[in-house]
N, C-alpha and C. Protein backbone atom coordinates (compact mmCIF):
# COMPACT_ATOMS: atom_id res chain seq x y z
N MET A 1 0.84 -1.18 0.00
CA MET A 1 0.00 0.00 0.00
C MET A 1 0.88 1.24 0.00
N PRO A 2 0.66 2.16 -0.90
CA PRO A 2 1.48 3.36 -0.94
C PRO A 2 1.17 4.29 0.22
N SER A 3 2.08 5.20 0.49
CA SER A 3 1.88 6.15 1.57
C SER A 3 0.65 7.00 1.29
N VAL A 4 0.04 7.48 2.36
CA VAL A 4 -1.15 8.31 2.27
C VAL A 4 -0.74 9.75 2.57
N ARG A 5 -1.20 10.66 1.75
CA ARG A 5 -0.82 12.06 1.95
C ARG A 5 -2.06 12.84 2.40
N LEU A 6 -2.03 13.32 3.64
CA LEU A 6 -3.12 14.11 4.19
C LEU A 6 -2.58 15.49 4.52
N GLY A 7 -3.13 16.52 3.88
CA GLY A 7 -2.60 17.85 4.12
C GLY A 7 -1.16 17.92 3.67
N LEU A 8 -0.31 18.44 4.53
CA LEU A 8 1.10 18.58 4.19
C LEU A 8 1.98 17.53 4.86
N ASP A 9 1.40 16.68 5.69
CA ASP A 9 2.20 15.71 6.44
C ASP A 9 1.92 14.30 5.95
N GLU A 10 2.85 13.74 5.24
CA GLU A 10 2.71 12.41 4.64
C GLU A 10 2.62 11.33 5.72
N GLN A 11 1.76 10.35 5.49
CA GLN A 11 1.61 9.20 6.38
C GLN A 11 2.34 8.02 5.77
N LEU A 12 3.26 7.42 6.52
CA LEU A 12 4.08 6.32 6.03
C LEU A 12 3.77 5.03 6.77
N THR A 13 3.79 3.92 6.05
CA THR A 13 3.68 2.61 6.69
C THR A 13 5.04 2.28 7.33
N PRO A 14 5.07 1.32 8.26
CA PRO A 14 6.36 0.93 8.83
C PRO A 14 7.38 0.50 7.77
N SER A 15 6.94 -0.21 6.73
CA SER A 15 7.86 -0.62 5.66
C SER A 15 8.46 0.59 4.95
N GLU A 16 7.62 1.58 4.68
CA GLU A 16 8.11 2.79 4.01
C GLU A 16 9.09 3.55 4.89
N VAL A 17 8.81 3.59 6.19
CA VAL A 17 9.73 4.25 7.12
C VAL A 17 11.10 3.58 7.05
N CYS A 18 11.12 2.26 7.10
CA CYS A 18 12.40 1.53 7.08
C CYS A 18 13.14 1.70 5.76
N LYS A 19 12.42 1.80 4.66
CA LYS A 19 13.07 2.01 3.36
C LYS A 19 13.68 3.40 3.25
N GLU A 20 12.98 4.40 3.78
CA GLU A 20 13.43 5.78 3.63
C GLU A 20 14.42 6.23 4.71
N TYR A 21 14.34 5.62 5.88
CA TYR A 21 15.19 6.02 7.00
C TYR A 21 15.98 4.80 7.46
N ARG A 22 17.22 4.72 7.04
CA ARG A 22 18.04 3.53 7.29
C ARG A 22 18.35 3.32 8.76
N VAL A 23 18.12 4.33 9.59
CA VAL A 23 18.37 4.17 11.02
C VAL A 23 17.45 3.11 11.62
N PHE A 24 16.30 2.88 10.99
CA PHE A 24 15.39 1.82 11.41
C PHE A 24 15.72 0.58 10.58
N SER A 25 16.36 -0.39 11.20
CA SER A 25 16.91 -1.52 10.45
C SER A 25 15.85 -2.48 9.89
N SER A 26 14.69 -2.54 10.54
CA SER A 26 13.64 -3.45 10.07
C SER A 26 12.31 -3.03 10.66
N THR A 27 11.23 -3.55 10.09
CA THR A 27 9.92 -3.25 10.64
C THR A 27 9.78 -3.84 12.04
N GLN A 28 10.46 -4.95 12.31
CA GLN A 28 10.42 -5.54 13.66
C GLN A 28 11.13 -4.64 14.66
N ALA A 29 12.26 -4.05 14.27
CA ALA A 29 12.96 -3.12 15.16
C ALA A 29 12.08 -1.91 15.45
N LEU A 30 11.37 -1.42 14.45
CA LEU A 30 10.45 -0.30 14.63
C LEU A 30 9.30 -0.70 15.56
N ALA A 31 8.78 -1.92 15.39
CA ALA A 31 7.72 -2.43 16.27
C ALA A 31 8.21 -2.56 17.71
N ASP A 32 9.45 -2.99 17.88
CA ASP A 32 10.03 -3.10 19.23
C ASP A 32 10.11 -1.73 19.89
N LEU A 33 10.51 -0.71 19.13
CA LEU A 33 10.55 0.65 19.68
C LEU A 33 9.15 1.10 20.09
N ARG A 34 8.14 0.78 19.27
CA ARG A 34 6.75 1.12 19.60
C ARG A 34 6.34 0.44 20.89
N TRP A 35 6.61 -0.84 20.98
CA TRP A 35 6.20 -1.64 22.14
C TRP A 35 6.85 -1.12 23.43
N ARG A 36 8.12 -0.69 23.34
CA ARG A 36 8.82 -0.16 24.51
C ARG A 36 8.48 1.29 24.80
N GLY A 37 7.74 1.93 23.90
CA GLY A 37 7.38 3.34 24.09
C GLY A 37 8.55 4.27 23.84
N GLU A 38 9.51 3.85 23.03
CA GLU A 38 10.72 4.63 22.79
C GLU A 38 10.82 5.15 21.37
N GLY A 39 9.92 4.76 20.50
CA GLY A 39 10.00 5.14 19.10
C GLY A 39 9.26 6.42 18.80
N PRO A 40 9.21 6.76 17.52
CA PRO A 40 8.48 7.95 17.09
C PRO A 40 6.99 7.79 17.35
N ALA A 41 6.30 8.91 17.49
CA ALA A 41 4.85 8.89 17.64
C ALA A 41 4.24 8.24 16.40
N TYR A 42 3.14 7.53 16.60
CA TYR A 42 2.52 6.82 15.48
C TYR A 42 1.00 6.89 15.59
N ILE A 43 0.35 6.51 14.52
CA ILE A 43 -1.10 6.46 14.44
C ILE A 43 -1.49 5.00 14.36
N LYS A 44 -2.48 4.58 15.16
CA LYS A 44 -2.99 3.22 15.08
C LYS A 44 -4.48 3.32 14.77
N THR A 45 -4.90 2.65 13.70
CA THR A 45 -6.26 2.82 13.20
C THR A 45 -7.32 2.19 14.08
N SER A 46 -6.97 1.16 14.85
CA SER A 46 -7.91 0.56 15.81
C SER A 46 -7.09 -0.23 16.82
N PRO A 47 -7.67 -0.51 17.99
CA PRO A 47 -6.89 -1.23 19.01
C PRO A 47 -6.59 -2.67 18.62
N GLY A 48 -5.62 -3.23 19.28
CA GLY A 48 -5.26 -4.64 19.05
C GLY A 48 -4.44 -4.85 17.80
N LYS A 49 -4.22 -6.11 17.48
CA LYS A 49 -3.38 -6.46 16.33
C LYS A 49 -4.01 -6.10 15.00
N ALA A 50 -5.33 -5.92 14.98
CA ALA A 50 -6.01 -5.61 13.72
C ALA A 50 -5.75 -4.18 13.26
N GLY A 51 -5.34 -3.31 14.18
CA GLY A 51 -5.11 -1.91 13.82
C GLY A 51 -3.88 -1.73 12.97
N ARG A 52 -3.99 -0.92 11.93
CA ARG A 52 -2.84 -0.60 11.08
C ARG A 52 -2.06 0.53 11.70
N VAL A 53 -0.77 0.53 11.49
CA VAL A 53 0.12 1.55 12.05
C VAL A 53 0.65 2.43 10.93
N PHE A 54 0.62 3.73 11.17
CA PHE A 54 1.19 4.72 10.26
C PHE A 54 2.02 5.70 11.06
N TYR A 55 3.00 6.28 10.40
CA TYR A 55 3.84 7.31 11.00
C TYR A 55 3.73 8.59 10.17
N ARG A 56 3.58 9.72 10.84
CA ARG A 56 3.67 11.00 10.14
C ARG A 56 5.14 11.26 9.88
N ARG A 57 5.45 11.73 8.69
CA ARG A 57 6.85 12.06 8.37
C ARG A 57 7.41 13.05 9.40
N SER A 58 6.60 14.00 9.82
CA SER A 58 7.06 15.00 10.79
C SER A 58 7.42 14.34 12.13
N ALA A 59 6.70 13.28 12.52
CA ALA A 59 7.01 12.58 13.77
C ALA A 59 8.35 11.85 13.67
N ILE A 60 8.63 11.27 12.52
CA ILE A 60 9.93 10.60 12.31
C ILE A 60 11.05 11.64 12.37
N GLU A 61 10.86 12.74 11.65
CA GLU A 61 11.89 13.79 11.63
C GLU A 61 12.11 14.37 13.02
N LYS A 62 11.04 14.58 13.79
CA LYS A 62 11.17 15.11 15.15
C LYS A 62 11.94 14.14 16.03
N TRP A 63 11.60 12.85 15.94
CA TRP A 63 12.26 11.83 16.74
C TRP A 63 13.76 11.79 16.42
N LEU A 64 14.09 11.88 15.13
CA LEU A 64 15.50 11.89 14.74
C LEU A 64 16.20 13.17 15.21
N ASP A 65 15.53 14.31 15.10
CA ASP A 65 16.11 15.58 15.56
C ASP A 65 16.43 15.53 17.05
N GLU A 66 15.55 14.91 17.83
CA GLU A 66 15.76 14.81 19.28
C GLU A 66 16.97 13.95 19.63
N ARG A 67 17.40 13.12 18.71
CA ARG A 67 18.53 12.22 18.95
C ARG A 67 19.79 12.65 18.21
N THR A 68 19.73 13.78 17.55
CA THR A 68 20.88 14.28 16.82
C THR A 68 21.86 14.92 17.78
N VAL A 69 23.11 14.49 17.70
CA VAL A 69 24.17 15.03 18.55
C VAL A 69 24.93 16.08 17.76
N GLN A 70 25.04 17.25 18.33
CA GLN A 70 25.78 18.34 17.69
C GLN A 70 27.26 18.20 18.06
N THR A 71 28.12 18.27 17.08
CA THR A 71 29.55 18.18 17.35
C THR A 71 30.05 19.49 17.95
N GLY A 72 31.11 19.39 18.69
CA GLY A 72 31.71 20.59 19.29
C GLY A 72 31.08 20.97 20.62
N GLY A 73 30.08 20.23 21.05
CA GLY A 73 29.43 20.52 22.33
C GLY A 73 29.99 19.62 23.42
N GLN A 74 29.31 19.61 24.53
CA GLN A 74 29.73 18.76 25.64
C GLN A 74 29.46 17.30 25.29
N ALA A 75 30.26 16.44 25.86
CA ALA A 75 30.07 15.01 25.63
C ALA A 75 28.78 14.54 26.27
N ALA A 76 28.12 13.61 25.62
CA ALA A 76 26.85 13.09 26.17
C ALA A 76 27.09 12.18 27.33
């Protein structure tokens, strides 16, 4: 299923996220981050396993920005 575009913020499936953002090594790794509550914000269409998961591109970018280390600063 291709990505869905609503307004200006594209909705991506987990597979599309992994293809476009290599930091997510697999859809299972992305699911593990979701399960642990450590991944990017996501949309779930209904509760339980039947619900489809989508990510807003802006949520992925925000999550990555929050983890970006600036060089020349203090050590983490």
